[in-house]
Structure formats: structure tokens, C-alpha cells
N, C-alpha and C. Protein backbone atom coordinates (compact mmCIF):
# COMPACT_ATOMS: atom_id res chain seq x y z
N MET A 1 -13.90 0.76 -11.46
CA MET A 1 -13.36 -0.69 -11.16
C MET A 1 -12.58 -0.36 -10.23
N ASN A 2 -13.14 -1.65 -8.45
CA ASN A 2 -12.27 -0.89 -7.65
C ASN A 2 -10.91 -2.13 -7.72
N THR A 3 -9.76 -1.16 -8.01
CA THR A 3 -9.07 -2.55 -7.73
C THR A 3 -8.20 -2.14 -6.61
N PHE A 4 -6.85 -3.31 -6.25
CA PHE A 4 -6.36 -2.82 -5.23
C PHE A 4 -5.36 -1.39 -5.97
N GLU A 5 -5.11 -1.31 -7.16
CA GLU A 5 -4.08 0.02 -7.02
C GLU A 5 -5.09 1.05 -6.94
N ALA A 6 -7.02 0.94 -7.74
CA ALA A 6 -7.19 1.87 -7.66
C ALA A 6 -7.13 2.40 -5.82
N VAL A 7 -7.19 1.62 -4.75
CA VAL A 7 -7.30 1.81 -3.86
C VAL A 7 -6.56 2.06 -3.42
N ALA A 8 -5.42 1.68 -3.37
CA ALA A 8 -3.50 2.55 -2.89
C ALA A 8 -3.74 3.49 -3.78
N ARG A 9 -4.20 3.82 -4.63
CA ARG A 9 -4.27 4.90 -5.44
C ARG A 9 -4.12 6.13 -4.09
N ASP A 10 -5.94 6.08 -4.11
CA ASP A 10 -6.31 7.46 -3.30
C ASP A 10 -5.93 7.11 -1.68
N TRP A 11 -5.35 6.10 -1.56
CA TRP A 11 -4.70 6.02 0.48
C TRP A 11 -3.57 6.65 -0.33
N HIS A 12 -3.05 7.07 -1.32
CA HIS A 12 -1.58 8.02 -1.25
C HIS A 12 -1.73 8.65 -1.19
N GLN A 13 -2.95 9.16 -2.63
CA GLN A 13 -3.20 10.63 -2.31
C GLN A 13 -3.82 11.90 -0.96
N TYR A 14 -4.55 10.82 -0.19
CA TYR A 14 -4.52 11.03 1.47
C TYR A 14 -3.90 11.20 1.65
N GLN A 15 -2.86 10.35 2.02
CA GLN A 15 -2.28 10.38 3.13
C GLN A 15 -0.65 11.29 1.72
N ALA A 16 -0.61 11.77 1.37
CA ALA A 16 0.69 12.76 0.52
C ALA A 16 -0.10 13.85 1.53
N ALA A 17 -0.95 14.21 1.30
CA ALA A 17 -0.79 15.92 2.27
C ALA A 17 -0.22 15.83 3.57
N ARG A 18 0.37 14.96 4.15
CA ARG A 18 0.65 14.56 5.63
C ARG A 18 1.87 14.41 5.02
N TRP A 19 3.15 14.29 3.94
CA TRP A 19 4.55 13.84 3.46
C TRP A 19 4.65 14.97 3.01
N ASP A 20 6.08 15.04 2.73
CA ASP A 20 6.63 16.20 1.61
C ASP A 20 7.04 15.53 0.06
N ALA A 21 6.81 16.37 -0.53
CA ALA A 21 6.29 15.82 -1.90
C ALA A 21 7.43 14.82 -1.81
N GLU A 22 8.99 14.62 -2.16
CA GLU A 22 9.76 13.47 -1.71
C GLU A 22 9.28 12.23 -1.34
N THR A 23 8.91 12.33 -0.22
CA THR A 23 8.47 10.78 0.00
C THR A 23 7.20 10.61 -0.34
N ALA A 24 6.46 11.62 -1.08
CA ALA A 24 4.95 10.82 -1.32
C ALA A 24 5.54 10.54 -2.61
N ARG A 25 6.63 11.59 -3.83
CA ARG A 25 7.08 10.34 -4.49
C ARG A 25 7.74 8.86 -4.39
N ARG A 26 8.54 8.68 -4.13
CA ARG A 26 9.36 7.33 -3.43
C ARG A 26 8.09 6.80 -3.16
N ILE A 27 7.16 7.08 -2.20
CA ILE A 27 5.74 5.89 -2.25
C ILE A 27 5.44 5.18 -3.10
N LEU A 28 5.32 5.88 -4.37
CA LEU A 28 4.32 5.32 -5.60
C LEU A 28 5.54 5.17 -6.19
N ALA A 29 6.64 5.50 -6.36
CA ALA A 29 7.45 4.72 -7.10
C ALA A 29 7.48 3.40 -7.27
N SER A 30 7.27 3.43 -5.99
CA SER A 30 7.27 2.00 -5.26
C SER A 30 6.62 1.22 -5.59
N LEU A 31 5.51 1.61 -4.88
CA LEU A 31 3.78 0.74 -4.99
C LEU A 31 4.50 0.33 -6.54
N ASP A 32 4.04 1.80 -7.66
CA ASP A 32 4.35 1.82 -9.18
C ASP A 32 5.19 0.87 -10.29
N ALA A 33 6.65 0.07 -8.57
CA ALA A 33 7.79 -0.75 -9.47
C ALA A 33 6.93 -2.47 -8.85
N ASP A 34 7.27 -2.06 -7.11
CA ASP A 34 7.15 -3.65 -6.64
C ASP A 34 5.76 -3.92 -6.51
N ILE A 35 5.13 -3.72 -7.04
CA ILE A 35 3.61 -3.72 -5.72
C ILE A 35 2.26 -3.87 -6.64
N PHE A 36 1.78 -2.56 -7.75
CA PHE A 36 0.99 -2.80 -9.30
C PHE A 36 0.58 -3.96 -10.07
N PRO A 37 2.23 -3.92 -10.31
CA PRO A 37 2.84 -5.30 -11.78
C PRO A 37 1.68 -6.33 -11.52
N THR A 38 2.15 -7.43 -9.77
CA THR A 38 1.11 -8.15 -8.84
C THR A 38 0.31 -8.08 -8.51
N LEU A 39 0.31 -7.14 -8.19
CA LEU A 39 -1.55 -7.29 -7.15
C LEU A 39 -2.27 -5.91 -7.26
N GLY A 40 -2.03 -5.08 -8.10
CA GLY A 40 -2.56 -4.05 -8.38
C GLY A 40 -3.89 -4.21 -9.36
N PRO A 41 -3.87 -5.66 -9.91
CA PRO A 41 -4.83 -5.89 -11.22
C PRO A 41 -5.87 -6.46 -10.38
N LEU A 42 -5.85 -7.17 -8.89
CA LEU A 42 -6.64 -7.51 -7.97
C LEU A 42 -7.05 -6.91 -7.21
N ALA A 43 -8.85 -7.64 -6.71
CA ALA A 43 -9.91 -6.25 -5.92
C ALA A 43 -9.85 -6.86 -5.43
N PRO A 44 -9.76 -5.90 -3.57
CA PRO A 44 -9.35 -5.75 -2.61
C PRO A 44 -10.42 -6.73 -1.77
N ARG A 45 -11.23 -7.61 -2.01
CA ARG A 45 -11.65 -8.22 -1.51
C ARG A 45 -10.77 -9.61 -1.53
N PHE A 46 -9.98 -9.88 -2.72
CA PHE A 46 -9.54 -10.61 -2.64
C PHE A 46 -8.33 -11.59 -1.82
N PHE A 47 -7.69 -10.31 -1.03
CA PHE A 47 -7.08 -9.89 0.22
C PHE A 47 -7.78 -10.70 1.53
N VAL A 48 -8.72 -10.79 1.64
CA VAL A 48 -9.55 -10.82 2.63
C VAL A 48 -9.67 -12.38 3.22
N GLY A 49 -10.77 -12.83 1.38
CA GLY A 49 -10.44 -14.21 1.77
C GLY A 49 -9.11 -14.81 1.24
N LEU A 50 -7.56 -14.44 0.75
CA LEU A 50 -6.96 -15.28 0.93
C LEU A 50 -5.95 -15.09 2.67
N PHE A 51 -6.67 -14.71 3.38
CA PHE A 51 -6.14 -14.19 4.73
C PHE A 51 -6.94 -14.83 5.58
N PRO A 52 -7.01 -15.97 6.20
CA PRO A 52 -7.31 -15.65 7.70
C PRO A 52 -7.73 -14.65 8.79
N LEU A 53 -9.08 -14.20 9.22
CA LEU A 53 -8.52 -12.49 9.77
C LEU A 53 -7.19 -12.29 10.35
N GLY A 54 -6.67 -13.36 11.23
CA GLY A 54 -5.72 -13.35 11.91
C GLY A 54 -4.15 -13.04 10.89
N LEU A 55 -4.27 -12.57 9.90
CA LEU A 55 -3.06 -12.96 9.31
C LEU A 55 -3.96 -11.58 8.75
N VAL A 56 -4.63 -10.96 8.51
CA VAL A 56 -5.11 -9.71 7.98
C VAL A 56 -3.47 -8.66 8.81
N GLY A 57 -4.86 -8.72 9.86
CA GLY A 57 -4.07 -7.97 10.55
C GLY A 57 -2.19 -8.36 10.59
N VAL A 58 -1.64 -9.24 10.49
CA VAL A 58 0.02 -9.13 10.11
C VAL A 58 -0.14 -9.00 9.29
N ALA A 59 -0.59 -8.69 8.15
CA ALA A 59 -0.18 -8.40 6.23
C ALA A 59 -0.65 -6.56 6.64
N LEU A 60 -1.35 -6.19 7.70
CA LEU A 60 -1.06 -4.60 8.23
C LEU A 60 -0.21 -3.46 9.05
N TRP A 61 0.19 -5.21 9.24
CA TRP A 61 0.99 -4.76 10.43
C TRP A 61 2.82 -4.74 9.38
N TRP A 62 2.55 -5.61 8.10
CA TRP A 62 3.73 -5.83 7.62
C TRP A 62 3.51 -4.60 6.43
N LEU A 63 1.87 -3.93 6.35
CA LEU A 63 2.32 -2.86 5.40
C LEU A 63 2.79 -1.82 5.76
N ARG A 64 2.77 -1.28 7.27
CA ARG A 64 3.47 0.29 7.79
C ARG A 64 4.47 -0.58 8.39
N LEU A 65 5.11 -1.25 7.88
CA LEU A 65 6.44 -1.65 8.75
C LEU A 65 7.44 -0.79 6.65
N VAL A 66 7.33 -2.00 6.39
CA VAL A 66 7.26 -0.98 4.68
C VAL A 66 7.19 0.26 4.30
N VAL A 67 5.99 1.12 5.32
CA VAL A 67 6.16 2.42 4.84
C VAL A 67 6.78 2.72 5.74
N ALA A 68 7.61 2.59 7.11
CA ALA A 68 8.06 3.22 7.91
C ALA A 68 9.16 3.22 8.01
N LEU A 69 9.29 2.16 6.89
CA LEU A 69 11.12 2.12 6.11
C LEU A 69 11.45 3.09 5.54
N LEU A 70 10.31 2.25 4.38
CA LEU A 70 10.79 3.75 3.00
C LEU A 70 10.28 5.31 3.01
N LEU A 71 9.70 5.90 4.30
CA LEU A 71 9.60 6.83 5.58
C LEU A 71 11.04 7.58 5.81
N GLY A 72 11.82 6.42 6.86
CA GLY A 72 12.93 6.75 7.44
C GLY A 72 12.77 6.64 8.73
N GLU A 73 11.66 5.84 9.54
CA GLU A 73 11.31 6.22 10.23
C GLU A 73 11.20 5.04 11.55
N ARG A 74 11.94 4.73 10.46
CA ARG A 74 12.95 3.01 11.45
C ARG A 74 14.11 2.27 10.91
């Protein structure tokens, strides 16, 4: 099944190679606690239909900001 959670976990596994172990743990814990309970079961294509194309860029910017905050880069 292709869900937001499955895609996000694949993304996390790919990105974790660039992060130290504690950063990877914190990001996954945050996803588990705050994102997956609500958005995890949804299909990724749901988000494309939910937002007009311009808002997809805003949503991606917001996601990058959240990750940067979790990494302590801002």
C-alpha cells in the first residue's frame, strides 16, 4: 500500500544517512507522534488534489522549515 506514512518513512530512511543518529531519531519520533496519526493513512496523491499547485510549493516550503527547525538549523 502506498500511503503518506510509507513514503515518509522511505524519505526518512534515505535522509537518515545524512543525519546523525539523534537527529534521525528525533525526526522519526516527531513524525510518529504528530504527523502519522492523522496524515499517515492517506495516499500521497490526496495532497496534490487538496492543494492548488501554488499551495503545494508553500506546503513544501513549510515542510522544509519544520525539518530545519527539528535539525536546529534555524
